[in-house]
Amino acid sequence: MIPQSSYARSLGHLVFLAALSGTACSDTDAAQRRASAPPSSTAKRNVMTEAKCAADQVSRSVCMIRIILDDVQRRNGGIDGGGISEIKATSSTTFVVSLPREERIEQLTYEFGYAAGMVTLKKRTENAQGF
């Protein structure tokens, strides 16, 4: 077995969650419609801030990540930079997304709530780390 860095393991988990995302949330059809929408209409649409999800933690995480990706695409789509370098869960309801830019890394923190089968975006904060 080849030893993996924590980055490789995190990336592997993200890929695993992305593979599961097609069946984890009830808004799959809406996500597919958003993905196939022309770029001009993507920038103008509303961002999903809640999703109905299955009760298990993996399904909730997938729903939260889907909401995060929707928000990042709407706010940062078309901006040059290094893309998304990391999506890290800091708790079961909080994720930090890192977006490399020139001479800094933008970090977006997303805090979610979960009640009655619904994941809801509660708060989004921005921070930047310089090199």
C-alpha atoms as a PDB file:
ATOM      1  CA  MET A   1       0.000   0.000   0.000  1.00  0.00           C
ATOM      2  CA  ILE A   2       1.302   3.433  -0.913  1.00  0.00           C
ATOM      3  CA  PRO A   3       1.216   6.023   1.915  1.00  0.00           C
ATOM      4  CA  GLN A   4      -0.977   9.035   1.158  1.00  0.00           C
ATOM      5  CA  SER A   5      -0.695  12.596   2.340  1.00  0.00           C
ATOM      6  CA  SER A   6      -3.609  14.155   4.209  1.00  0.00           C
ATOM      7  CA  TYR A   7      -4.264  16.248   1.081  1.00  0.00           C
ATOM      8  CA  ALA A   8      -4.607  13.097  -1.057  1.00  0.00           C
ATOM      9  CA  ARG A   9      -6.934  11.521   1.506  1.00  0.00           C
ATOM     10  CA  SER A  10      -9.040  14.717   1.652  1.00  0.00           C
ATOM     11  CA  LEU A  11      -9.201  14.842  -2.128  1.00  0.00           C
ATOM     12  CA  GLY A  12     -10.197  11.182  -2.186  1.00  0.00           C
ATOM     13  CA  HIS A  13     -12.988  11.866   0.283  1.00  0.00           C
ATOM     14  CA  LEU A  14     -14.177  14.816  -1.795  1.00  0.00           C
ATOM     15  CA  VAL A  15     -14.231  12.664  -4.937  1.00  0.00           C
ATOM     16  CA  PHE A  16     -16.143   9.980  -3.033  1.00  0.00           C
ATOM     17  CA  LEU A  17     -18.684  12.550  -1.817  1.00  0.00           C
ATOM     18  CA  ALA A  18     -19.031  13.972  -5.315  1.00  0.00           C
ATOM     19  CA  ALA A  19     -19.737  10.486  -6.660  1.00  0.00           C
ATOM     20  CA  LEU A  20     -22.454  10.038  -4.080  1.00  0.00           C
ATOM     21  CA  SER A  21     -23.995  13.435  -4.721  1.00  0.00           C
ATOM     22  CA  GLY A  22     -26.111  12.175  -7.598  1.00  0.00           C
ATOM     23  CA  THR A  23     -28.365  10.249  -5.206  1.00  0.00           C
ATOM     24  CA  ALA A  24     -27.942  11.875  -1.808  1.00  0.00           C
ATOM     25  CA  CYS A  25     -30.164  14.969  -2.143  1.00  0.00           C
ATOM     26  CA  SER A  26     -33.659  15.297  -3.439  1.00  0.00           C
ATOM     27  CA  ASP A  27     -32.708  18.263  -5.638  1.00  0.00           C
ATOM     28  CA  THR A  28     -30.711  16.205  -8.145  1.00  0.00           C
ATOM     29  CA  ASP A  29     -32.887  17.248 -11.089  1.00  0.00           C
ATOM     30  CA  ALA A  30     -32.505  20.919 -10.168  1.00  0.00           C
ATOM     31  CA  ALA A  31     -28.727  20.526  -9.911  1.00  0.00           C
ATOM     32  CA  GLN A  32     -28.612  18.901 -13.339  1.00  0.00           C
ATOM     33  CA  ARG A  33     -30.690  21.725 -14.810  1.00  0.00           C
ATOM     34  CA  ARG A  34     -28.313  24.289 -13.262  1.00  0.00           C
ATOM     35  CA  ALA A  35     -25.275  22.442 -14.638  1.00  0.00           C
ATOM     36  CA  SER A  36     -26.724  22.431 -18.156  1.00  0.00           C
ATOM     37  CA  ALA A  37     -27.858  26.074 -18.064  1.00  0.00           C
ATOM     38  CA  PRO A  38     -26.023  28.506 -20.333  1.00  0.00           C
ATOM     39  CA  PRO A  39     -23.290  30.541 -18.551  1.00  0.00           C
ATOM     40  CA  SER A  40     -25.137  33.827 -18.962  1.00  0.00           C
ATOM     41  CA  SER A  41     -28.189  32.571 -17.075  1.00  0.00           C
ATOM     42  CA  THR A  42     -26.060  30.864 -14.402  1.00  0.00           C
ATOM     43  CA  ALA A  43     -24.749  34.206 -13.113  1.00  0.00           C
ATOM     44  CA  LYS A  44     -28.267  35.622 -12.763  1.00  0.00           C
ATOM     45  CA  ARG A  45     -29.993  32.735 -10.973  1.00  0.00           C
ATOM     46  CA  ASN A  46     -30.628  32.446  -7.252  1.00  0.00           C
ATOM     47  CA  VAL A  47     -28.265  30.303  -5.231  1.00  0.00           C
ATOM     48  CA  MET A  48     -29.675  27.296  -3.452  1.00  0.00           C
ATOM     49  CA  THR A  49     -29.555  27.937   0.320  1.00  0.00           C
ATOM     50  CA  GLU A  50     -31.339  24.839   1.557  1.00  0.00           C
ATOM     51  CA  ALA A  51     -31.882  21.248   0.504  1.00  0.00           C
ATOM     52  CA  LYS A  52     -33.894  18.294   1.709  1.00  0.00           C
ATOM     53  CA  CYS A  53     -31.496  15.471   2.548  1.00  0.00           C
ATOM     54  CA  ALA A  54     -31.455  11.956   3.924  1.00  0.00           C
ATOM     55  CA  ALA A  55     -30.785  11.618   7.647  1.00  0.00           C
ATOM     56  CA  ASP A  56     -27.280  10.111   7.466  1.00  0.00           C
ATOM     57  CA  GLN A  57     -24.189  12.297   7.851  1.00  0.00           C
ATOM     58  CA  VAL A  58     -22.748  11.525   4.409  1.00  0.00           C
ATOM     59  CA  SER A  59     -25.970  12.650   2.698  1.00  0.00           C
ATOM     60  CA  ARG A  60     -26.050  15.840   4.770  1.00  0.00           C
ATOM     61  CA  SER A  61     -22.411  16.573   3.902  1.00  0.00           C
ATOM     62  CA  VAL A  62     -23.106  16.045   0.204  1.00  0.00           C
ATOM     63  CA  CYS A  63     -26.043  18.452   0.380  1.00  0.00           C
ATOM     64  CA  MET A  64     -23.912  21.050   2.161  1.00  0.00           C
ATOM     65  CA  ILE A  65     -21.122  20.683  -0.407  1.00  0.00           C
ATOM     66  CA  ARG A  66     -23.629  21.034  -3.246  1.00  0.00           C
ATOM     67  CA  ILE A  67     -24.869  24.304  -1.729  1.00  0.00           C
ATOM     68  CA  ILE A  68     -21.252  25.467  -1.326  1.00  0.00           C
ATOM     69  CA  LEU A  69     -20.357  24.640  -4.945  1.00  0.00           C
ATOM     70  CA  ASP A  70     -23.457  26.445  -6.179  1.00  0.00           C
ATOM     71  CA  ASP A  71     -22.497  29.554  -4.197  1.00  0.00           C
ATOM     72  CA  VAL A  72     -18.823  29.470  -5.247  1.00  0.00           C
ATOM     73  CA  GLN A  73     -19.797  29.109  -8.911  1.00  0.00           C
ATOM     74  CA  ARG A  74     -22.211  32.024  -8.747  1.00  0.00           C
ATOM     75  CA  ARG A  75     -19.861  34.353  -6.864  1.00  0.00           C
ATOM     76  CA  ASN A  76     -16.515  33.362  -8.414  1.00  0.00           C
ATOM     77  CA  GLY A  77     -17.295  31.890 -11.823  1.00  0.00           C
ATOM     78  CA  GLY A  78     -15.248  33.540 -14.566  1.00  0.00           C
ATOM     79  CA  ILE A  79     -12.601  34.905 -12.177  1.00  0.00           C
ATOM     80  CA  ASP A  80      -9.039  33.811 -12.909  1.00  0.00           C
ATOM     81  CA  GLY A  81      -7.152  32.021 -10.185  1.00  0.00           C
ATOM     82  CA  GLY A  82      -6.355  28.522  -9.057  1.00  0.00           C
ATOM     83  CA  GLY A  83      -9.893  27.198  -8.831  1.00  0.00           C
ATOM     84  CA  ILE A  84     -10.909  25.391  -5.652  1.00  0.00           C
ATOM     85  CA  SER A  85      -7.895  23.968  -3.866  1.00  0.00           C
ATOM     86  CA  GLU A  86      -9.668  22.596  -0.799  1.00  0.00           C
ATOM     87  CA  ILE A  87     -13.046  21.992   0.774  1.00  0.00           C
ATOM     88  CA  LYS A  88     -12.538  21.061   4.399  1.00  0.00           C
ATOM     89  CA  ALA A  89     -15.097  20.132   7.028  1.00  0.00           C
ATOM     90  CA  THR A  90     -14.127  21.778  10.316  1.00  0.00           C
ATOM     91  CA  SER A  91     -17.211  20.385  12.071  1.00  0.00           C
ATOM     92  CA  SER A  92     -20.278  18.423  11.031  1.00  0.00           C
ATOM     93  CA  THR A  93     -21.997  21.673   9.966  1.00  0.00           C
ATOM     94  CA  THR A  94     -19.088  23.970   8.995  1.00  0.00           C
ATOM     95  CA  PHE A  95     -16.907  23.874   5.868  1.00  0.00           C
ATOM     96  CA  VAL A  96     -13.980  26.048   4.762  1.00  0.00           C
ATOM     97  CA  VAL A  97     -13.334  26.471   1.024  1.00  0.00           C
ATOM     98  CA  SER A  98      -9.926  27.672  -0.199  1.00  0.00           C
ATOM     99  CA  LEU A  99      -9.611  29.573  -3.487  1.00  0.00           C
ATOM    100  CA  PRO A 100      -6.021  30.433  -4.527  1.00  0.00           C
ATOM    101  CA  ARG A 101      -5.613  33.902  -6.013  1.00  0.00           C
ATOM    102  CA  GLU A 102      -2.579  36.034  -6.827  1.00  0.00           C
ATOM    103  CA  GLU A 103      -0.525  36.434  -3.640  1.00  0.00           C
ATOM    104  CA  ARG A 104      -3.345  35.219  -1.367  1.00  0.00           C
ATOM    105  CA  ILE A 105      -5.781  32.422  -0.649  1.00  0.00           C
ATOM    106  CA  GLU A 106      -9.408  33.409  -0.220  1.00  0.00           C
ATOM    107  CA  GLN A 107     -11.139  31.310   2.405  1.00  0.00           C
ATOM    108  CA  LEU A 108     -14.906  31.087   2.538  1.00  0.00           C
ATOM    109  CA  THR A 109     -16.472  29.623   5.677  1.00  0.00           C
ATOM    110  CA  TYR A 110     -19.960  28.159   5.395  1.00  0.00           C
ATOM    111  CA  GLU A 111     -22.042  27.373   8.479  1.00  0.00           C
ATOM    112  CA  PHE A 112     -25.145  25.214   8.127  1.00  0.00           C
ATOM    113  CA  GLY A 113     -28.084  24.153  10.233  1.00  0.00           C
ATOM    114  CA  TYR A 114     -29.953  20.864  10.040  1.00  0.00           C
ATOM    115  CA  ALA A 115     -33.527  20.283  11.202  1.00  0.00           C
ATOM    116  CA  ALA A 116     -36.378  18.066  10.074  1.00  0.00           C
ATOM    117  CA  GLY A 117     -34.485  16.660   7.086  1.00  0.00           C
ATOM    118  CA  MET A 118     -33.464  20.095   5.756  1.00  0.00           C
ATOM    119  CA  VAL A 119     -29.928  21.471   5.486  1.00  0.00           C
ATOM    120  CA  THR A 120     -29.926  25.285   5.553  1.00  0.00           C
ATOM    121  CA  LEU A 121     -27.084  27.735   4.929  1.00  0.00           C
ATOM    122  CA  LYS A 122     -26.945  29.922   8.056  1.00  0.00           C
ATOM    123  CA  LYS A 123     -23.838  32.033   7.511  1.00  0.00           C
ATOM    124  CA  ARG A 124     -21.088  32.664   4.957  1.00  0.00           C
ATOM    125  CA  THR A 125     -17.924  34.559   5.881  1.00  0.00           C
ATOM    126  CA  GLU A 126     -14.870  35.533   3.823  1.00  0.00           C
ATOM    127  CA  ASN A 127     -11.252  35.712   4.889  1.00  0.00           C
ATOM    128  CA  ALA A 128      -7.933  36.001   3.024  1.00  0.00           C
ATOM    129  CA  GLN A 129      -4.490  34.624   3.821  1.00  0.00           C
ATOM    130  CA  GLY A 130      -1.520  36.350   2.228  1.00  0.00           C
ATOM    131  CA  PHE A 131       1.760  34.626   1.372  1.00  0.00           C
END
